Protein backbone atom coordinates (compact mmCIF):
# COMPACT_ATOMS: atom_id res chain seq x y z
CA MET A 1 14.86 18.75 0.42
CA THR A 2 17.04 20.82 -1.88
CA VAL A 3 19.93 19.51 -3.94
CA LEU A 4 22.44 21.13 -1.60
CA GLU A 5 20.76 19.75 1.52
CA ALA A 6 20.75 16.25 0.03
CA ILE A 7 24.44 16.52 -0.78
CA GLN A 8 25.36 17.79 2.68
CA LYS A 9 23.33 15.23 4.66
CA SER A 10 24.43 12.32 2.47
CA THR A 11 28.07 13.38 2.64
CA GLU A 12 27.91 13.46 6.43
CA PHE A 13 26.41 9.96 6.50
CA LEU A 14 29.04 8.45 4.18
CA SER A 15 31.84 10.20 6.04
CA LYS A 16 30.73 8.50 9.27
CA LYS A 17 30.74 5.16 7.41
CA GLY A 18 34.38 5.63 6.44
CA ILE A 19 33.80 6.10 2.71
CA GLU A 20 36.66 7.83 0.92
CA SER A 21 35.77 11.06 -0.92
CA PRO A 22 32.20 11.01 0.42
CA ARG A 23 31.03 14.24 -1.23
CA LEU A 24 32.32 13.15 -4.63
CA ASN A 25 30.46 9.85 -4.21
CA VAL A 26 27.23 11.65 -3.34
CA GLU A 27 27.49 14.11 -6.20
CA LEU A 28 28.11 11.34 -8.73
CA MET A 29 25.14 9.33 -7.48
CA LEU A 30 22.83 12.35 -7.46
CA ALA A 31 23.95 13.43 -10.92
CA HIS A 32 23.28 9.87 -12.11
CA LEU A 33 19.75 9.93 -10.70
CA LEU A 34 19.03 13.36 -12.20
CA GLY A 35 20.49 12.41 -15.58
CA THR A 36 22.81 15.40 -15.51
CA SER A 37 26.48 16.16 -15.06
CA ARG A 38 28.18 16.66 -11.72
CA LEU A 39 29.06 20.21 -12.77
CA GLN A 40 25.41 20.96 -13.51
CA LEU A 41 24.51 20.11 -9.91
CA TYR A 42 26.27 23.28 -8.79
CA LEU A 43 23.75 25.30 -10.79
CA GLN A 44 20.84 23.48 -9.15
CA PHE A 45 21.69 23.71 -5.44
CA GLU A 46 18.46 25.51 -4.50
CA GLU A 47 16.13 23.28 -6.51
CA THR A 48 13.81 20.99 -4.56
CA LEU A 49 14.11 17.28 -5.19
CA LYS A 50 10.99 15.19 -5.71
CA ALA A 51 10.19 12.79 -2.89
CA GLU A 52 10.59 9.76 -5.16
CA LEU A 53 14.09 10.85 -6.15
CA VAL A 54 15.04 11.49 -2.51
CA ASP A 55 13.98 7.92 -1.69
CA ARG A 56 16.09 6.53 -4.54
CA LEU A 57 19.08 8.58 -3.40
CA ARG A 58 18.67 7.34 0.17
CA GLU A 59 18.71 3.74 -1.04
CA LEU A 60 21.92 4.32 -3.02
CA ILE A 61 23.52 6.11 -0.10
CA LYS A 62 22.57 3.26 2.22
CA ARG A 63 24.13 0.71 -0.12
CA ARG A 64 27.27 2.81 -0.50
CA GLY A 65 27.43 3.04 3.28
CA HIS A 66 27.72 -0.75 3.29
CA HIS A 67 30.74 -0.29 0.99
CA GLU A 68 29.05 -1.52 -2.17
CA PRO A 69 31.27 -0.12 -4.96
CA LEU A 70 30.19 3.14 -6.50
CA GLN A 71 30.64 1.61 -9.95
CA HIS A 72 28.06 -1.07 -9.15
CA LEU A 73 25.59 1.57 -7.97
CA LEU A 74 26.06 3.64 -11.12
CA GLY A 75 26.35 0.60 -13.39
CA THR A 76 29.40 2.08 -15.12
CA ALA A 77 33.15 2.47 -14.73
CA HIS A 78 35.54 4.81 -16.51
CA PHE A 79 38.64 3.58 -18.31
CA CYS A 80 40.75 5.41 -20.88
CA ASP A 81 37.98 7.93 -21.63
CA LEU A 82 35.48 5.09 -22.01
CA GLU A 83 32.33 4.65 -19.95
CA LEU A 84 31.90 0.91 -19.61
CA GLU A 85 29.04 -1.16 -18.24
CA ILE A 86 30.09 -2.85 -15.03
CA GLY A 87 28.33 -4.98 -12.46
CA PRO A 88 28.60 -7.81 -9.93
CA GLY A 89 30.75 -10.73 -11.00
CA VAL A 90 33.07 -8.67 -13.20
CA LEU A 91 36.28 -6.99 -12.06
CA ILE A 92 36.03 -3.20 -11.87
CA PRO A 93 38.76 -1.74 -14.14
CA ARG A 94 41.63 -0.10 -12.27
CA SER A 95 43.14 3.22 -13.28
CA GLU A 96 46.69 1.83 -13.26
CA THR A 97 45.74 -0.64 -15.99
CA GLU A 98 45.21 2.31 -18.33
CA SER A 99 49.00 2.45 -18.62
CA LEU A 100 49.03 -1.12 -19.95
CA ALA A 101 46.44 -0.18 -22.57
CA GLU A 102 48.53 2.79 -23.67
CA MET A 103 51.69 0.67 -23.84
CA ALA A 104 49.88 -1.81 -26.07
CA TRP A 105 48.31 0.63 -28.52
CA THR A 106 51.58 2.58 -28.76
CA GLU A 107 53.42 -0.61 -29.77
CA LEU A 108 50.75 -1.49 -32.31
CA GLN A 109 50.78 2.02 -33.75
CA ARG A 110 54.56 1.74 -34.10
CA ARG A 111 54.10 -1.40 -36.15
CA VAL A 112 51.47 0.28 -38.31
CA GLN A 113 53.89 3.12 -39.01
CA ALA A 114 56.46 0.50 -40.04
CA GLY A 115 54.03 -0.77 -42.67
CA ARG A 116 52.22 -3.59 -40.90
CA THR A 117 48.53 -3.99 -41.73
CA ASP A 118 47.65 -7.44 -40.38
CA LEU A 119 48.10 -6.86 -36.68
CA THR A 120 46.71 -9.31 -34.13
CA LEU A 121 46.39 -8.99 -30.36
CA LEU A 122 45.29 -11.28 -27.56
CA ASP A 123 43.69 -9.84 -24.43
CA TRP A 124 44.19 -12.58 -21.83
CA GLY A 125 41.47 -12.33 -19.17
CA THR A 126 39.42 -9.54 -20.70
CA GLY A 127 36.89 -9.02 -17.88
CA SER A 128 34.77 -6.01 -18.83
CA GLY A 129 36.66 -5.74 -22.12
CA CYS A 130 38.39 -2.54 -21.02
CA LEU A 131 41.82 -3.31 -22.49
CA ALA A 132 40.58 -4.80 -25.75
CA ILE A 133 38.14 -1.96 -26.41
CA ALA A 134 40.58 0.84 -25.56
CA ILE A 135 43.27 -0.71 -27.75
CA ALA A 136 40.83 -1.32 -30.62
CA ARG A 137 39.75 2.33 -30.57
CA HIS A 138 43.34 3.56 -30.77
CA CYS A 139 44.48 1.05 -33.39
CA PRO A 140 41.79 0.36 -36.02
CA GLU A 141 44.21 -1.92 -37.90
CA ALA A 142 44.29 -4.47 -35.07
CA HIS A 143 42.19 -7.61 -34.91
CA ILE A 144 41.75 -8.76 -31.33
CA ASP A 145 40.91 -11.99 -29.56
CA ALA A 146 39.68 -11.42 -25.99
CA ILE A 147 39.43 -14.44 -23.72
CA ASP A 148 37.99 -15.02 -20.26
CA VAL A 149 36.86 -17.97 -18.21
CA SER A 150 33.72 -16.09 -17.10
CA ARG A 151 30.75 -16.12 -19.45
CA ARG A 152 29.17 -13.25 -17.52
CA ALA A 153 32.25 -11.13 -18.11
CA LEU A 154 32.32 -11.99 -21.82
CA GLU A 155 28.68 -11.04 -22.27
CA MET A 156 29.31 -7.69 -20.59
CA ALA A 157 32.48 -7.14 -22.62
CA GLN A 158 30.56 -7.83 -25.82
CA ARG A 159 27.98 -5.19 -24.92
CA ASN A 160 30.71 -2.70 -24.12
CA ALA A 161 32.44 -3.38 -27.42
CA ALA A 162 29.18 -2.93 -29.33
CA ARG A 163 28.58 0.41 -27.62
CA TYR A 164 31.85 1.71 -29.03
CA GLU A 165 31.39 -0.02 -32.39
CA VAL A 166 34.51 -2.15 -32.18
CA ASP A 167 32.73 -5.48 -31.72
CA LYS A 168 33.39 -6.48 -35.34
CA ARG A 169 37.14 -6.38 -34.67
CA ILE A 170 37.10 -8.17 -31.31
CA ARG A 171 36.39 -11.87 -31.05
CA PHE A 172 35.31 -12.82 -27.53
CA LEU A 173 36.10 -16.41 -26.57
CA GLU A 174 35.30 -18.37 -23.42
CA SER A 175 38.61 -19.92 -22.46
CA ASN A 176 40.39 -21.17 -19.36
CA GLY A 177 43.77 -19.62 -20.01
CA PHE A 178 45.01 -20.37 -23.51
CA ALA A 179 43.14 -23.69 -23.72
CA GLY A 180 40.16 -22.38 -25.68
CA LEU A 181 42.16 -20.69 -28.45
CA PRO A 182 42.31 -22.23 -31.92
CA ASP A 183 45.63 -24.05 -32.43
CA GLU A 184 46.66 -21.75 -35.25
CA SER A 185 46.26 -18.57 -33.19
CA ARG A 186 49.35 -16.32 -33.36
CA TYR A 187 49.65 -12.74 -32.14
CA ASP A 188 51.84 -9.70 -32.54
CA LEU A 189 51.08 -8.78 -28.96
CA ILE A 190 49.61 -10.50 -25.92
CA VAL A 191 48.39 -8.28 -23.08
CA ALA A 192 47.35 -9.66 -19.72
CA ASN A 193 46.29 -8.41 -16.32
CA PRO A 194 46.15 -11.71 -14.43
CA PRO A 195 45.00 -12.13 -10.82
CA TYR A 196 47.97 -11.21 -8.62
CA ILE A 197 46.74 -10.95 -5.02
CA PRO A 198 48.28 -13.65 -2.77
CA SER A 199 45.53 -15.88 -1.40
CA ASN A 200 46.34 -15.10 2.23
CA VAL A 201 45.95 -11.35 1.59
CA LEU A 202 42.41 -11.46 0.21
CA ASP A 203 40.71 -11.13 3.60
CA SER A 204 42.64 -7.94 4.37
CA LEU A 205 41.61 -6.09 1.20
CA GLN A 206 39.33 -3.06 1.22
CA GLN A 207 35.75 -4.12 1.80
CA GLU A 208 34.71 -2.82 -1.62
CA VAL A 209 37.21 -5.19 -3.22
CA ARG A 210 37.01 -8.14 -0.84
CA ASP A 211 33.22 -8.41 -0.78
CA TYR A 212 32.29 -7.34 -4.31
CA ASP A 213 35.05 -8.03 -6.85
CA PRO A 214 35.08 -11.66 -8.04
CA HIS A 215 37.81 -13.56 -6.20
CA LEU A 216 38.46 -15.47 -9.42
CA ALA A 217 39.83 -12.22 -10.85
CA LEU A 218 41.87 -11.41 -7.72
CA ASP A 219 43.34 -14.61 -6.29
CA GLY A 220 46.81 -15.23 -7.70
CA GLY A 221 47.63 -18.25 -5.56
CA SER A 222 49.99 -18.54 -2.60
CA LYS A 223 52.52 -15.99 -3.89
CA GLY A 224 50.20 -14.05 -6.18
CA MET A 225 51.95 -15.22 -9.33
CA ALA A 226 50.34 -18.56 -10.21
CA TYR A 227 48.80 -17.17 -13.40
CA HIS A 228 51.97 -15.29 -14.33
CA GLN A 229 53.82 -18.60 -14.08
CA LYS A 230 51.28 -20.23 -16.38
CA ILE A 231 51.52 -17.39 -18.90
CA ALA A 232 55.32 -17.61 -18.79
CA GLN A 233 55.10 -21.32 -19.61
CA GLU A 234 52.50 -21.12 -22.39
CA ALA A 235 52.38 -17.71 -24.07
CA ALA A 236 55.46 -17.99 -26.30
CA SER A 237 53.86 -20.55 -28.61
CA TYR A 238 51.05 -18.09 -29.38
CA LEU A 239 53.32 -15.26 -30.50
CA ARG A 240 54.40 -14.42 -34.01
CA PRO A 241 58.18 -14.39 -34.60
CA ASP A 242 58.48 -10.73 -33.57
CA GLY A 243 55.69 -10.89 -31.00
CA LEU A 244 55.73 -9.30 -27.55
CA LEU A 245 54.09 -9.97 -24.21
CA MET A 246 52.96 -7.13 -21.95
CA LEU A 247 51.43 -7.82 -18.57
CA GLU A 248 50.58 -6.29 -15.22
CA PHE A 249 51.63 -7.53 -11.79
CA GLY A 250 51.41 -6.35 -8.18
CA TYR A 251 53.12 -3.17 -7.06
CA ASP A 252 55.58 -5.16 -4.89
CA GLN A 253 56.22 -8.11 -7.23
CA ALA A 254 58.79 -6.67 -9.66
CA GLU A 255 61.79 -8.38 -8.05
CA ALA A 256 60.07 -11.76 -8.10
CA ILE A 257 58.36 -11.61 -11.49
CA GLY A 258 61.53 -11.24 -13.57
CA PRO A 259 63.03 -14.60 -12.57
CA VAL A 260 59.69 -16.33 -13.23
CA PHE A 261 59.84 -15.32 -16.88
CA GLU A 262 63.58 -15.66 -17.33
CA ALA A 263 63.38 -19.24 -16.06
CA GLU A 264 60.87 -20.01 -18.82
CA GLY A 265 63.09 -18.60 -21.58
CA TRP A 266 61.89 -15.00 -21.84
CA ALA A 267 64.05 -11.94 -22.42
CA ILE A 268 62.70 -9.01 -20.43
CA GLU A 269 62.76 -5.82 -22.49
CA ALA A 270 61.39 -3.39 -19.91
CA PHE A 271 59.74 -2.82 -16.59
CA THR A 272 57.36 0.15 -16.74
CA GLN A 273 56.15 2.19 -13.79
CA ASP A 274 52.58 3.07 -12.94
CA PHE A 275 51.38 6.58 -12.04
CA ALA A 276 52.57 6.10 -8.45
CA GLY A 277 56.11 5.20 -9.51
CA TYR A 278 55.86 1.46 -8.84
CA ARG A 279 57.24 -1.00 -11.39
CA ARG A 280 53.95 -2.55 -12.43
CA PHE A 281 54.26 -3.74 -16.05
CA LEU A 282 56.56 -6.14 -17.86
CA THR A 283 57.41 -6.26 -21.56
CA ALA A 284 59.12 -9.44 -22.74
CA ARG A 285 59.80 -11.62 -25.76
CA PRO A 286 60.94 -15.24 -26.06
CA SER A 287 64.71 -15.12 -25.56
CA ASN A 288 65.49 -17.17 -28.65
CA ARG A 289 63.91 -14.33 -30.65
CA ALA A 290 65.45 -11.46 -28.71
CA GLU A 291 66.88 -8.73 -30.88
């Protein structure tokens, strides 16, 4: 079987299974198996694949046909120009969260330009470490605490941080919410992407999400904002006097999320849109410190 034949037959199979962008999926899996780039495949269309490699491709295609996430099959996910290790039990980073990372490092860079050199950041619910690592790479002056309730996620995040040589500036802590932080912890910026899917919606999610992402990282309670409520109640005491909170919420939760924070004494500075034009991110500070 040639490279082109493998791509065509596998694409047809995944298309029948209802997989989005089936050819792209196939090309990424085949490039992964060959240890080459997707672009390089186009120069190898007529080459014959070894039988062992065809068998390995068939197994990956079969698993993808059962809607196992492509990132799990490749063992990696892309986020802010990073290639991060990813696997079962850890939330796959979403592209929209890249905007939250950029918001955070832009704010920290602004503070550096204003003469600050002792910047601190908390990544609440770090998962794969995507936010903490991306921010650390764009702001070398920042020292970061990254917390998560999942030990598996923290171990993976630590490996990802080491790969990009920022592990010396990120302290990974096992913590249920803020409970595991040292009492003296204070931050210039807290970033968070809490679970925000309402519990009764989980069963209707895409199969890739419903069956493979950890529900602990998805389930936001009855209205999808249980963790946002908890952050609103507790985060202020962990901020420095001029500290900010930036967090993500569901695409349809903007109208509801503002009152949650205002009721807990926060002044909302901005709602920021994602790439699709939905208000997806909140920037706030404790109202008694509002400028």
